[in-house]
Amino acid sequence: MKKKFKLVDLDCANCAAKMETAIQKIPGVNGATVSFLSQRLTLDAEDSRFEEILDEVVQVCKRIEPDCQIQR
């Protein structure tokens, strides 16, 4: 399943790159793109575990950029 999410308060292009790399390492993620310019996350992950994977993505984002929020 592939979905796009809006990122709120993503302040750093370097942080966006770190987030993208970390998200791609999560088991079940087929692909992820974090765009600093458009403030969007595109997540392609397993259908059966999508919500669980999304929860992990939120935790990764909070660890790298504490002020950043993913709008579901």
PDB file of N, CA and C in Angstrom:
ATOM      1  N   MET A   1       0.857  -1.168   0.000  1.00  0.00           N
ATOM      2  CA  MET A   1       0.000   0.000   0.000  1.00  0.00           C
ATOM      3  C   MET A   1       0.908   1.237   0.000  1.00  0.00           C
ATOM      4  N   LYS A   2       0.535   2.205  -0.792  1.00  0.00           N
ATOM      5  CA  LYS A   2       1.310   3.429  -0.896  1.00  0.00           C
ATOM      6  C   LYS A   2       0.427   4.613  -0.507  1.00  0.00           C
ATOM      7  N   LYS A   3       0.903   5.407   0.454  1.00  0.00           N
ATOM      8  CA  LYS A   3       0.143   6.571   0.912  1.00  0.00           C
ATOM      9  C   LYS A   3       1.075   7.755   1.098  1.00  0.00           C
ATOM     10  N   LYS A   4       0.478   8.958   0.993  1.00  0.00           N
ATOM     11  CA  LYS A   4       1.228  10.189   1.213  1.00  0.00           C
ATOM     12  C   LYS A   4       0.704  10.867   2.472  1.00  0.00           C
ATOM     13  N   PHE A   5       1.636  11.456   3.223  1.00  0.00           N
ATOM     14  CA  PHE A   5       1.290  12.137   4.466  1.00  0.00           C
ATOM     15  C   PHE A   5       1.945  13.510   4.494  1.00  0.00           C
ATOM     16  N   LYS A   6       1.259  14.469   5.092  1.00  0.00           N
ATOM     17  CA  LYS A   6       1.805  15.816   5.251  1.00  0.00           C
ATOM     18  C   LYS A   6       2.657  15.847   6.509  1.00  0.00           C
ATOM     19  N   LEU A   7       3.822  16.469   6.402  1.00  0.00           N
ATOM     20  CA  LEU A   7       4.705  16.648   7.549  1.00  0.00           C
ATOM     21  C   LEU A   7       4.578  18.094   8.027  1.00  0.00           C
ATOM     22  N   VAL A   8       4.394  18.263   9.319  1.00  0.00           N
ATOM     23  CA  VAL A   8       4.256  19.591   9.901  1.00  0.00           C
ATOM     24  C   VAL A   8       5.501  19.877  10.744  1.00  0.00           C
ATOM     25  N   ASP A   9       6.075  21.073  10.562  1.00  0.00           N
ATOM     26  CA  ASP A   9       7.252  21.528  11.312  1.00  0.00           C
ATOM     27  C   ASP A   9       8.517  20.721  11.031  1.00  0.00           C
ATOM     28  N   LEU A  10       8.707  20.302   9.791  1.00  0.00           N
ATOM     29  CA  LEU A  10       9.973  19.698   9.382  1.00  0.00           C
ATOM     30  C   LEU A  10      10.888  20.862   9.009  1.00  0.00           C
ATOM     31  N   ASP A  11      11.915  21.105   9.830  1.00  0.00           N
ATOM     32  CA  ASP A  11      12.705  22.334   9.713  1.00  0.00           C
ATOM     33  C   ASP A  11      14.056  22.161   9.022  1.00  0.00           C
ATOM     34  N   CYS A  12      14.448  20.930   8.725  1.00  0.00           N
ATOM     35  CA  CYS A  12      15.824  20.712   8.309  1.00  0.00           C
ATOM     36  C   CYS A  12      15.891  19.690   7.172  1.00  0.00           C
ATOM     37  N   ALA A  13      16.531  20.053   6.069  1.00  0.00           N
ATOM     38  CA  ALA A  13      16.654  19.140   4.931  1.00  0.00           C
ATOM     39  C   ALA A  13      17.521  17.938   5.295  1.00  0.00           C
ATOM     40  N   ASN A  14      18.531  18.160   6.118  1.00  0.00           N
ATOM     41  CA  ASN A  14      19.387  17.056   6.552  1.00  0.00           C
ATOM     42  C   ASN A  14      18.588  16.062   7.397  1.00  0.00           C
ATOM     43  N   CYS A  15      17.719  16.570   8.251  1.00  0.00           N
ATOM     44  CA  CYS A  15      16.860  15.705   9.075  1.00  0.00           C
ATOM     45  C   CYS A  15      15.913  14.901   8.192  1.00  0.00           C
ATOM     46  N   ALA A  16      15.398  15.516   7.141  1.00  0.00           N
ATOM     47  CA  ALA A  16      14.515  14.816   6.211  1.00  0.00           C
ATOM     48  C   ALA A  16      15.249  13.641   5.569  1.00  0.00           C
ATOM     49  N   ALA A  17      16.507  13.843   5.191  1.00  0.00           N
ATOM     50  CA  ALA A  17      17.302  12.766   4.600  1.00  0.00           C
ATOM     51  C   ALA A  17      17.555  11.649   5.608  1.00  0.00           C
ATOM     52  N   LYS A  18      17.835  12.021   6.860  1.00  0.00           N
ATOM     53  CA  LYS A  18      18.046  11.020   7.913  1.00  0.00           C
ATOM     54  C   LYS A  18      16.766  10.213   8.158  1.00  0.00           C
ATOM     55  N   MET A  19      15.626  10.918   8.164  1.00  0.00           N
ATOM     56  CA  MET A  19      14.343  10.251   8.378  1.00  0.00           C
ATOM     57  C   MET A  19      14.075   9.248   7.258  1.00  0.00           C
ATOM     58  N   GLU A  20      14.315   9.671   6.025  1.00  0.00           N
ATOM     59  CA  GLU A  20      14.077   8.797   4.877  1.00  0.00           C
ATOM     60  C   GLU A  20      14.920   7.524   4.979  1.00  0.00           C
ATOM     61  N   THR A  21      16.192   7.669   5.318  1.00  0.00           N
ATOM     62  CA  THR A  21      17.090   6.517   5.453  1.00  0.00           C
ATOM     63  C   THR A  21      16.623   5.582   6.565  1.00  0.00           C
ATOM     64  N   ALA A  22      16.246   6.151   7.704  1.00  0.00           N
ATOM     65  CA  ALA A  22      15.807   5.338   8.846  1.00  0.00           C
ATOM     66  C   ALA A  22      14.489   4.622   8.556  1.00  0.00           C
ATOM     67  N   ILE A  23      13.565   5.304   7.893  1.00  0.00           N
ATOM     68  CA  ILE A  23      12.264   4.703   7.567  1.00  0.00           C
ATOM     69  C   ILE A  23      12.443   3.526   6.609  1.00  0.00           C
ATOM     70  N   GLN A  24      13.346   3.656   5.645  1.00  0.00           N
ATOM     71  CA  GLN A  24      13.572   2.587   4.673  1.00  0.00           C
ATOM     72  C   GLN A  24      14.136   1.325   5.310  1.00  0.00           C
ATOM     73  N   LYS A  25      14.730   1.451   6.505  1.00  0.00           N
ATOM     74  CA  LYS A  25      15.301   0.294   7.205  1.00  0.00           C
ATOM     75  C   LYS A  25      14.269  -0.463   8.046  1.00  0.00           C
ATOM     76  N   ILE A  26      13.081   0.094   8.214  1.00  0.00           N
ATOM     77  CA  ILE A  26      12.034  -0.563   9.017  1.00  0.00           C
ATOM     78  C   ILE A  26      11.532  -1.794   8.259  1.00  0.00           C
ATOM     79  N   PRO A  27      11.477  -2.957   8.933  1.00  0.00           N
ATOM     80  CA  PRO A  27      10.969  -4.163   8.266  1.00  0.00           C
ATOM     81  C   PRO A  27       9.533  -3.970   7.781  1.00  0.00           C
ATOM     82  N   GLY A  28       9.282  -4.357   6.535  1.00  0.00           N
ATOM     83  CA  GLY A  28       7.949  -4.220   5.951  1.00  0.00           C
ATOM     84  C   GLY A  28       7.801  -3.000   5.068  1.00  0.00           C
ATOM     85  N   VAL A  29       8.782  -2.101   5.106  1.00  0.00           N
ATOM     86  CA  VAL A  29       8.737  -0.906   4.266  1.00  0.00           C
ATOM     87  C   VAL A  29       9.357  -1.243   2.913  1.00  0.00           C
ATOM     88  N   ASN A  30       8.582  -1.045   1.852  1.00  0.00           N
ATOM     89  CA  ASN A  30       9.068  -1.295   0.497  1.00  0.00           C
ATOM     90  C   ASN A  30       9.798  -0.086  -0.062  1.00  0.00           C
ATOM     91  N   GLY A  31       9.407   1.098   0.396  1.00  0.00           N
ATOM     92  CA  GLY A  31      10.038   2.324  -0.059  1.00  0.00           C
ATOM     93  C   GLY A  31       9.490   3.512   0.694  1.00  0.00           C
ATOM     94  N   ALA A  32      10.319   4.543   0.813  1.00  0.00           N
ATOM     95  CA  ALA A  32       9.883   5.765   1.496  1.00  0.00           C
ATOM     96  C   ALA A  32      10.629   6.950   0.911  1.00  0.00           C
ATOM     97  N   THR A  33       9.910   8.049   0.782  1.00  0.00           N
ATOM     98  CA  THR A  33      10.497   9.295   0.306  1.00  0.00           C
ATOM     99  C   THR A  33      10.036  10.424   1.212  1.00  0.00           C
ATOM    100  N   VAL A  34      10.996  11.188   1.724  1.00  0.00           N
ATOM    101  CA  VAL A  34      10.673  12.357   2.533  1.00  0.00           C
ATOM    102  C   VAL A  34      11.119  13.581   1.742  1.00  0.00           C
ATOM    103  N   SER A  35      10.175  14.427   1.381  1.00  0.00           N
ATOM    104  CA  SER A  35      10.478  15.636   0.619  1.00  0.00           C
ATOM    105  C   SER A  35      10.447  16.848   1.537  1.00  0.00           C
ATOM    106  N   PHE A  36      11.618  17.464   1.716  1.00  0.00           N
ATOM    107  CA  PHE A  36      11.691  18.659   2.555  1.00  0.00           C
ATOM    108  C   PHE A  36      10.959  19.831   1.901  1.00  0.00           C
ATOM    109  N   LEU A  37      11.095  19.958   0.599  1.00  0.00           N
ATOM    110  CA  LEU A  37      10.480  21.092  -0.099  1.00  0.00           C
ATOM    111  C   LEU A  37       8.956  21.060  -0.036  1.00  0.00           C
ATOM    112  N   SER A  38       8.369  19.893  -0.275  1.00  0.00           N
ATOM    113  CA  SER A  38       6.904  19.805  -0.259  1.00  0.00           C
ATOM    114  C   SER A  38       6.356  19.396   1.106  1.00  0.00           C
ATOM    115  N   GLN A  39       7.266  19.106   2.061  1.00  0.00           N
ATOM    116  CA  GLN A  39       6.864  18.702   3.418  1.00  0.00           C
ATOM    117  C   GLN A  39       5.945  17.484   3.378  1.00  0.00           C
ATOM    118  N   ARG A  40       6.342  16.474   2.582  1.00  0.00           N
ATOM    119  CA  ARG A  40       5.515  15.270   2.433  1.00  0.00           C
ATOM    120  C   ARG A  40       6.344  14.002   2.622  1.00  0.00           C
ATOM    121  N   LEU A  41       5.670  12.993   3.149  1.00  0.00           N
ATOM    122  CA  LEU A  41       6.232  11.649   3.273  1.00  0.00           C
ATOM    123  C   LEU A  41       5.408  10.733   2.378  1.00  0.00           C
ATOM    124  N   THR A  42       6.084  10.015   1.500  1.00  0.00           N
ATOM    125  CA  THR A  42       5.428   8.978   0.697  1.00  0.00           C
ATOM    126  C   THR A  42       5.920   7.648   1.241  1.00  0.00           C
ATOM    127  N   LEU A  43       4.990   6.834   1.704  1.00  0.00           N
ATOM    128  CA  LEU A  43       5.325   5.564   2.336  1.00  0.00           C
ATOM    129  C   LEU A  43       4.691   4.413   1.567  1.00  0.00           C
ATOM    130  N   ASP A  44       5.517   3.459   1.178  1.00  0.00           N
ATOM    131  CA  ASP A  44       5.061   2.238   0.519  1.00  0.00           C
ATOM    132  C   ASP A  44       5.428   1.087   1.442  1.00  0.00           C
ATOM    133  N   ALA A  45       4.409   0.431   2.004  1.00  0.00           N
ATOM    134  CA  ALA A  45       4.649  -0.620   2.989  1.00  0.00           C
ATOM    135  C   ALA A  45       3.632  -1.747   2.818  1.00  0.00           C
ATOM    136  N   GLU A  46       3.896  -2.861   3.527  1.00  0.00           N
ATOM    137  CA  GLU A  46       3.010  -4.030   3.473  1.00  0.00           C
ATOM    138  C   GLU A  46       1.593  -3.648   3.907  1.00  0.00           C
ATOM    139  N   ASP A  47       0.606  -4.102   3.149  1.00  0.00           N
ATOM    140  CA  ASP A  47      -0.797  -3.803   3.461  1.00  0.00           C
ATOM    141  C   ASP A  47      -1.212  -4.337   4.828  1.00  0.00           C
ATOM    142  N   SER A  48      -0.813  -5.563   5.138  1.00  0.00           N
ATOM    143  CA  SER A  48      -1.295  -6.225   6.341  1.00  0.00           C
ATOM    144  C   SER A  48      -0.778  -5.580   7.625  1.00  0.00           C
ATOM    145  N   ARG A  49       0.370  -4.898   7.564  1.00  0.00           N
ATOM    146  CA  ARG A  49       0.967  -4.291   8.762  1.00  0.00           C
ATOM    147  C   ARG A  49       1.087  -2.773   8.637  1.00  0.00           C
ATOM    148  N   PHE A  50       0.326  -2.154   7.753  1.00  0.00           N
ATOM    149  CA  PHE A  50       0.547  -0.742   7.440  1.00  0.00           C
ATOM    150  C   PHE A  50       0.446   0.160   8.666  1.00  0.00           C
ATOM    151  N   GLU A  51      -0.582  -0.001   9.480  1.00  0.00           N
ATOM    152  CA  GLU A  51      -0.763   0.863  10.659  1.00  0.00           C
ATOM    153  C   GLU A  51       0.368   0.665  11.664  1.00  0.00           C
ATOM    154  N   GLU A  52       0.772  -0.578  11.855  1.00  0.00           N
ATOM    155  CA  GLU A  52       1.870  -0.888  12.774  1.00  0.00           C
ATOM    156  C   GLU A  52       3.170  -0.243  12.279  1.00  0.00           C
ATOM    157  N   ILE A  53       3.425  -0.345  10.981  1.00  0.00           N
ATOM    158  CA  ILE A  53       4.614   0.258  10.381  1.00  0.00           C
ATOM    159  C   ILE A  53       4.544   1.775  10.495  1.00  0.00           C
ATOM    160  N   LEU A  54       3.376   2.346  10.275  1.00  0.00           N
ATOM    161  CA  LEU A  54       3.211   3.792  10.378  1.00  0.00           C
ATOM    162  C   LEU A  54       3.510   4.279  11.793  1.00  0.00           C
ATOM    163  N   ASP A  55       3.125   3.496  12.807  1.00  0.00           N
ATOM    164  CA  ASP A  55       3.443   3.850  14.190  1.00  0.00           C
ATOM    165  C   ASP A  55       4.960   3.893  14.403  1.00  0.00           C
ATOM    166  N   GLU A  56       5.675   2.926  13.807  1.00  0.00           N
ATOM    167  CA  GLU A  56       7.135   2.907  13.900  1.00  0.00           C
ATOM    168  C   GLU A  56       7.732   4.122  13.189  1.00  0.00           C
ATOM    169  N   VAL A  57       7.155   4.487  12.046  1.00  0.00           N
ATOM    170  CA  VAL A  57       7.621   5.650  11.288  1.00  0.00           C
ATOM    171  C   VAL A  57       7.482   6.914  12.134  1.00  0.00           C
ATOM    172  N   VAL A  58       6.360   7.050  12.834  1.00  0.00           N
ATOM    173  CA  VAL A  58       6.128   8.212  13.693  1.00  0.00           C
ATOM    174  C   VAL A  58       7.207   8.284  14.779  1.00  0.00           C
ATOM    175  N   GLN A  59       7.544   7.144  15.376  1.00  0.00           N
ATOM    176  CA  GLN A  59       8.572   7.103  16.417  1.00  0.00           C
ATOM    177  C   GLN A  59       9.933   7.503  15.862  1.00  0.00           C
ATOM    178  N   VAL A  60      10.269   7.025  14.675  1.00  0.00           N
ATOM    179  CA  VAL A  60      11.538   7.372  14.035  1.00  0.00           C
ATOM    180  C   VAL A  60      11.607   8.873  13.783  1.00  0.00           C
ATOM    181  N   CYS A  61      10.526   9.435  13.270  1.00  0.00           N
ATOM    182  CA  CYS A  61      10.488  10.871  12.978  1.00  0.00           C
ATOM    183  C   CYS A  61      10.633  11.695  14.249  1.00  0.00           C
ATOM    184  N   LYS A  62       9.986  11.280  15.317  1.00  0.00           N
ATOM    185  CA  LYS A  62      10.072  11.992  16.593  1.00  0.00           C
ATOM    186  C   LYS A  62      11.501  11.961  17.140  1.00  0.00           C
ATOM    187  N   ARG A  63      12.186  10.839  16.952  1.00  0.00           N
ATOM    188  CA  ARG A  63      13.547  10.709  17.452  1.00  0.00           C
ATOM    189  C   ARG A  63      14.500  11.644  16.697  1.00  0.00           C
ATOM    190  N   ILE A  64      14.322  11.762  15.392  1.00  0.00           N
ATOM    191  CA  ILE A  64      15.220  12.574  14.570  1.00  0.00           C
ATOM    192  C   ILE A  64      14.844  14.054  14.621  1.00  0.00           C
ATOM    193  N   GLU A  65      13.558  14.356  14.533  1.00  0.00           N
ATOM    194  CA  GLU A  65      13.058  15.750  14.509  1.00  0.00           C
ATOM    195  C   GLU A  65      11.886  15.831  15.485  1.00  0.00           C
ATOM    196  N   PRO A  66      12.159  16.110  16.779  1.00  0.00           N
ATOM    197  CA  PRO A  66      11.115  16.052  17.816  1.00  0.00           C
ATOM    198  C   PRO A  66       9.885  16.925  17.544  1.00  0.00           C
ATOM    199  N   ASP A  67      10.048  18.041  16.836  1.00  0.00           N
ATOM    200  CA  ASP A  67       8.916  18.943  16.584  1.00  0.00           C
ATOM    201  C   ASP A  67       8.063  18.513  15.385  1.00  0.00           C
ATOM    202  N   CYS A  68       8.559  17.607  14.585  1.00  0.00           N
ATOM    203  CA  CYS A  68       7.865  17.204  13.359  1.00  0.00           C
ATOM    204  C   CYS A  68       6.686  16.277  13.677  1.00  0.00           C
ATOM    205  N   GLN A  69       5.568  16.522  13.009  1.00  0.00           N
ATOM    206  CA  GLN A  69       4.378  15.690  13.179  1.00  0.00           C
ATOM    207  C   GLN A  69       3.930  15.175  11.822  1.00  0.00           C
ATOM    208  N   ILE A  70       3.429  13.929  11.805  1.00  0.00           N
ATOM    209  CA  ILE A  70       2.884  13.349  10.592  1.00  0.00           C
ATOM    210  C   ILE A  70       1.369  13.414  10.698  1.00  0.00           C
ATOM    211  N   GLN A  71       0.734  14.092   9.757  1.00  0.00           N
ATOM    212  CA  GLN A  71      -0.729  14.168   9.752  1.00  0.00           C
ATOM    213  C   GLN A  71      -1.290  12.941   9.054  1.00  0.00           C
ATOM    214  N   ARG A  72      -2.065  12.154   9.787  1.00  0.00           N
ATOM    215  CA  ARG A  72      -2.629  10.918   9.241  1.00  0.00           C
ATOM    216  C   ARG A  72      -3.911  11.188   8.532  1.00  0.00           C
TER     217      ARG A  72
END
